[in-house]
Amino acid sequence: MDKQRTSAGFGFIRAGKLKKAIAEFDAVISAADRRHLGDPRPRFCARDERDASKITTATGASGTSPVLIDAAVCDAHFGKGYALIDMGRGDLAEAELRRATELAPFDAHYANEYAELYKSRRDWKTSLELFLRAWDVTDKNPAGPDADLAARALRGIGYNQMMLGNLEAAENSFRQSLEFEPGNKAASIELGHIARQKAIGS
């Protein structure tokens, strides 16, 4: 049911029916809260066995067993945040995107999107930190399933480094992104921009 409701929510986003989308996502979030009411253990979303293993390992030192919940709950927080951004309510979206990254700390897609919110606010340092987090949790295999996520994280890292004035680091990040997504136009454009800045000494 949760997965069906999140799918419906994303369908409403594509149709431009943002309030209906948020209603679907809220239903999923509320249902999860009711299911785990009174359980003090930390909650995490696990999309597959690999996620579950990473979460169990990461939380093992605390001595507390986490509660693994349906990934649809994380999708609901993310979807709600996405819809709120489309409604011009980035102030409200922040909490939803943050919650998605907290529940799914190994999901590079969520981290990338959260980083984009801060980039849109010109908060280069916070955006850089979040893109670095996204990069950190990718598998870093140019032929692997995370290649597009890794490339996007590296482009975000490069852009923020550029805006912070670190052109050498930015150039390296954009070039590295092309190892994961060869021929990406955005990376090539930014590399050209960096070359021009370096040529005029700015």
Protein backbone atom coordinates (compact mmCIF):
# COMPACT_ATOMS: atom_id res chain seq x y z
CA MET A 1 0.00 0.00 0.00
CA ASP A 2 2.80 2.45 0.91
CA LYS A 3 4.56 1.84 -2.38
CA GLN A 4 1.31 2.33 -4.30
CA ARG A 5 0.64 5.62 -2.52
CA THR A 6 4.14 6.96 -3.14
CA SER A 7 3.84 5.97 -6.81
CA ALA A 8 0.53 7.82 -6.94
CA GLY A 9 2.17 10.82 -5.29
CA PHE A 10 4.91 11.01 -7.90
CA GLY A 11 2.25 10.64 -10.58
CA PHE A 12 0.46 13.67 -9.17
CA ILE A 13 3.73 15.62 -9.22
CA ARG A 14 4.20 14.82 -12.90
CA ALA A 15 0.61 15.95 -13.50
CA GLY A 16 1.21 19.19 -11.62
CA LYS A 17 -1.26 18.27 -8.86
CA LEU A 18 1.07 19.08 -6.01
CA LYS A 19 -1.42 19.25 -3.14
CA LYS A 20 -2.76 15.81 -4.04
CA ALA A 21 0.81 14.52 -4.20
CA ILE A 22 1.54 15.83 -0.72
CA ALA A 23 -1.64 14.22 0.61
CA GLU A 24 -0.47 10.81 -0.66
CA PHE A 25 3.00 11.26 0.82
CA ASP A 26 1.59 12.45 4.15
CA ALA A 27 -0.59 9.33 4.34
CA VAL A 28 2.48 7.10 3.99
CA ILE A 29 4.47 9.08 6.55
CA SER A 30 1.60 9.10 9.07
CA ALA A 31 1.02 5.37 8.68
CA ALA A 32 4.69 4.67 9.39
CA ASP A 33 4.61 6.91 12.46
CA ARG A 34 1.59 5.02 13.79
CA ARG A 35 3.20 1.63 13.16
CA HIS A 36 6.29 2.55 15.14
CA LEU A 37 4.68 4.70 17.82
CA GLY A 38 6.45 4.20 21.13
CA ASP A 39 9.43 2.38 19.62
CA PRO A 40 12.54 4.37 20.64
CA ARG A 41 14.90 2.56 18.29
CA PRO A 42 16.33 4.53 15.36
CA ARG A 43 14.55 4.02 12.04
CA PHE A 44 16.24 3.51 8.70
CA CYS A 45 14.97 2.72 5.23
CA ALA A 46 16.41 -0.33 3.51
CA ARG A 47 15.77 -0.64 -0.21
CA ASP A 48 17.60 -3.95 -0.48
CA GLU A 49 19.87 -6.33 1.42
CA ARG A 50 22.92 -4.19 0.65
CA ASP A 51 21.31 -1.19 2.35
CA ALA A 52 20.25 -3.32 5.31
CA SER A 53 23.78 -4.65 5.74
CA LYS A 54 25.34 -1.17 5.60
CA ILE A 55 22.88 0.21 8.13
CA THR A 56 23.33 -2.71 10.52
CA THR A 57 27.12 -2.37 10.33
CA ALA A 58 27.06 1.41 10.77
CA THR A 59 24.78 1.27 13.81
CA GLY A 60 26.36 -1.79 15.39
CA ALA A 61 28.78 0.20 17.55
CA SER A 62 25.91 1.91 19.37
CA GLY A 63 24.60 -1.41 20.65
CA THR A 64 21.08 -0.51 19.52
CA SER A 65 19.36 -2.55 16.84
CA PRO A 66 17.79 -0.28 14.22
CA VAL A 67 14.27 -0.64 12.89
CA LEU A 68 14.41 -1.23 9.15
CA ILE A 69 11.36 0.30 7.48
CA ASP A 70 10.00 0.27 3.95
CA ALA A 71 11.91 2.46 1.50
CA ALA A 72 8.54 3.90 0.46
CA VAL A 73 8.60 5.98 3.65
CA CYS A 74 11.84 7.65 2.59
CA ASP A 75 10.44 8.14 -0.90
CA ALA A 76 7.43 9.83 0.70
CA HIS A 77 9.59 12.32 2.60
CA PHE A 78 11.64 12.97 -0.52
CA GLY A 79 8.56 13.30 -2.72
CA LYS A 80 6.92 15.70 -0.29
CA GLY A 81 10.05 17.82 -0.26
CA TYR A 82 10.20 17.81 -4.04
CA ALA A 83 6.55 18.87 -4.29
CA LEU A 84 7.07 21.65 -1.75
CA ILE A 85 9.99 23.00 -3.78
CA ASP A 86 7.77 23.06 -6.86
CA MET A 87 5.24 25.02 -4.78
CA GLY A 88 7.91 27.56 -3.90
CA ARG A 89 8.12 26.36 -0.29
CA GLY A 90 11.77 25.45 -0.04
CA ASP A 91 11.61 26.47 3.62
CA LEU A 92 9.25 23.57 4.33
CA ALA A 93 10.96 21.23 1.87
CA GLU A 94 14.22 21.35 3.80
CA ALA A 95 12.90 19.30 6.73
CA GLU A 96 11.51 16.61 4.42
CA LEU A 97 14.70 16.26 2.38
CA ARG A 98 16.77 16.22 5.55
CA ARG A 99 14.56 13.47 7.00
CA ALA A 100 14.94 11.41 3.83
CA THR A 101 18.73 11.60 4.11
CA GLU A 102 18.59 10.73 7.83
CA LEU A 103 16.43 7.67 7.22
CA ALA A 104 18.49 6.59 4.21
CA PRO A 105 22.08 7.67 4.93
CA PHE A 106 23.47 5.54 2.11
CA ASP A 107 21.18 6.91 -0.60
CA ALA A 108 23.23 9.19 -2.86
CA HIS A 109 20.15 10.34 -4.77
CA TYR A 110 18.58 11.87 -1.67
CA ALA A 111 21.87 13.50 -0.67
CA ASN A 112 22.31 14.98 -4.15
CA GLU A 113 18.82 16.47 -4.10
CA TYR A 114 19.30 17.88 -0.61
CA ALA A 115 22.58 19.44 -1.77
CA GLU A 116 20.79 21.03 -4.73
CA LEU A 117 18.45 22.84 -2.35
CA TYR A 118 21.38 24.56 -0.67
CA LYS A 119 23.04 25.25 -4.01
CA SER A 120 19.89 27.08 -5.10
CA ARG A 121 20.25 29.21 -1.95
CA ARG A 122 23.89 29.94 -2.83
CA ASP A 123 24.98 28.28 0.41
CA TRP A 124 28.05 26.85 -1.25
CA LYS A 125 29.69 25.36 1.85
CA THR A 126 26.64 23.41 3.02
CA SER A 127 25.88 22.29 -0.52
CA LEU A 128 29.48 21.12 -0.92
CA GLU A 129 29.29 19.09 2.31
CA LEU A 130 26.14 17.34 1.12
CA PHE A 131 27.49 16.59 -2.35
CA LEU A 132 30.61 15.17 -0.68
CA ARG A 133 28.32 12.95 1.41
CA ALA A 134 26.58 11.77 -1.75
CA TRP A 135 29.92 11.00 -3.37
CA ASP A 136 31.07 9.17 -0.25
CA VAL A 137 28.19 6.68 -0.37
CA THR A 138 28.35 5.84 -4.09
CA ASP A 139 30.12 2.67 -5.16
CA LYS A 140 32.61 4.72 -7.25
CA ASN A 141 32.53 2.23 -10.09
CA PRO A 142 32.24 3.98 -13.49
CA ALA A 143 30.50 0.88 -14.83
CA GLY A 144 28.36 0.33 -11.74
CA PRO A 145 24.74 1.18 -10.94
CA ASP A 146 25.71 4.39 -9.13
CA ALA A 147 27.66 5.91 -12.02
CA ASP A 148 25.12 8.64 -12.79
CA LEU A 149 24.75 9.48 -9.09
CA ALA A 150 28.52 9.66 -8.68
CA ALA A 151 28.82 11.91 -11.72
CA ARG A 152 26.13 14.23 -10.43
CA ALA A 153 27.75 14.41 -6.99
CA LEU A 154 31.11 15.25 -8.53
CA ARG A 155 29.58 17.97 -10.71
CA GLY A 156 27.95 19.43 -7.61
CA ILE A 157 31.24 19.26 -5.73
CA GLY A 158 33.00 20.95 -8.63
CA TYR A 159 30.42 23.70 -8.95
CA ASN A 160 30.59 24.58 -5.26
CA GLN A 161 34.38 24.47 -5.28
CA MET A 162 34.32 26.84 -8.24
CA MET A 163 31.96 29.24 -6.49
CA LEU A 164 34.21 29.14 -3.42
CA GLY A 165 37.17 30.12 -5.60
CA ASN A 166 39.00 26.80 -5.61
CA LEU A 167 39.40 26.45 -9.36
CA GLU A 168 42.02 23.68 -9.33
CA ALA A 169 39.89 21.43 -7.14
CA ALA A 170 36.80 22.28 -9.19
CA GLU A 171 38.55 21.36 -12.43
CA ASN A 172 39.64 18.02 -10.97
CA SER A 173 36.10 17.27 -9.80
CA PHE A 174 34.53 18.03 -13.17
CA ARG A 175 37.16 15.96 -14.98
CA GLN A 176 36.58 13.07 -12.60
CA SER A 177 32.83 13.32 -13.20
CA LEU A 178 33.45 12.67 -16.89
CA GLU A 179 34.95 9.30 -15.98
CA PHE A 180 31.50 8.32 -14.72
CA GLU A 181 29.44 10.10 -17.37
CA PRO A 182 31.59 10.69 -20.48
CA GLY A 183 30.47 13.48 -22.76
CA ASN A 184 28.30 15.23 -20.17
CA LYS A 185 27.67 18.71 -21.56
CA ALA A 186 27.26 20.43 -18.20
CA ALA A 187 30.68 19.25 -17.02
CA SER A 188 32.30 20.27 -20.31
CA ILE A 189 30.73 23.74 -20.13
CA GLU A 190 31.98 24.28 -16.58
CA LEU A 191 35.46 23.09 -17.52
CA GLY A 192 35.47 25.68 -20.31
CA HIS A 193 34.34 28.33 -17.84
CA ILE A 194 37.12 27.39 -15.42
CA ALA A 195 39.70 27.51 -18.22
CA ARG A 196 38.60 31.05 -19.12
CA GLN A 197 38.73 32.15 -15.49
CA LYS A 198 42.23 30.74 -15.10
CA ALA A 199 43.34 32.39 -18.34
CA ILE A 200 42.34 35.86 -17.13
CA GLY A 201 43.59 35.21 -13.61
CA SER A 202 40.25 35.60 -11.85
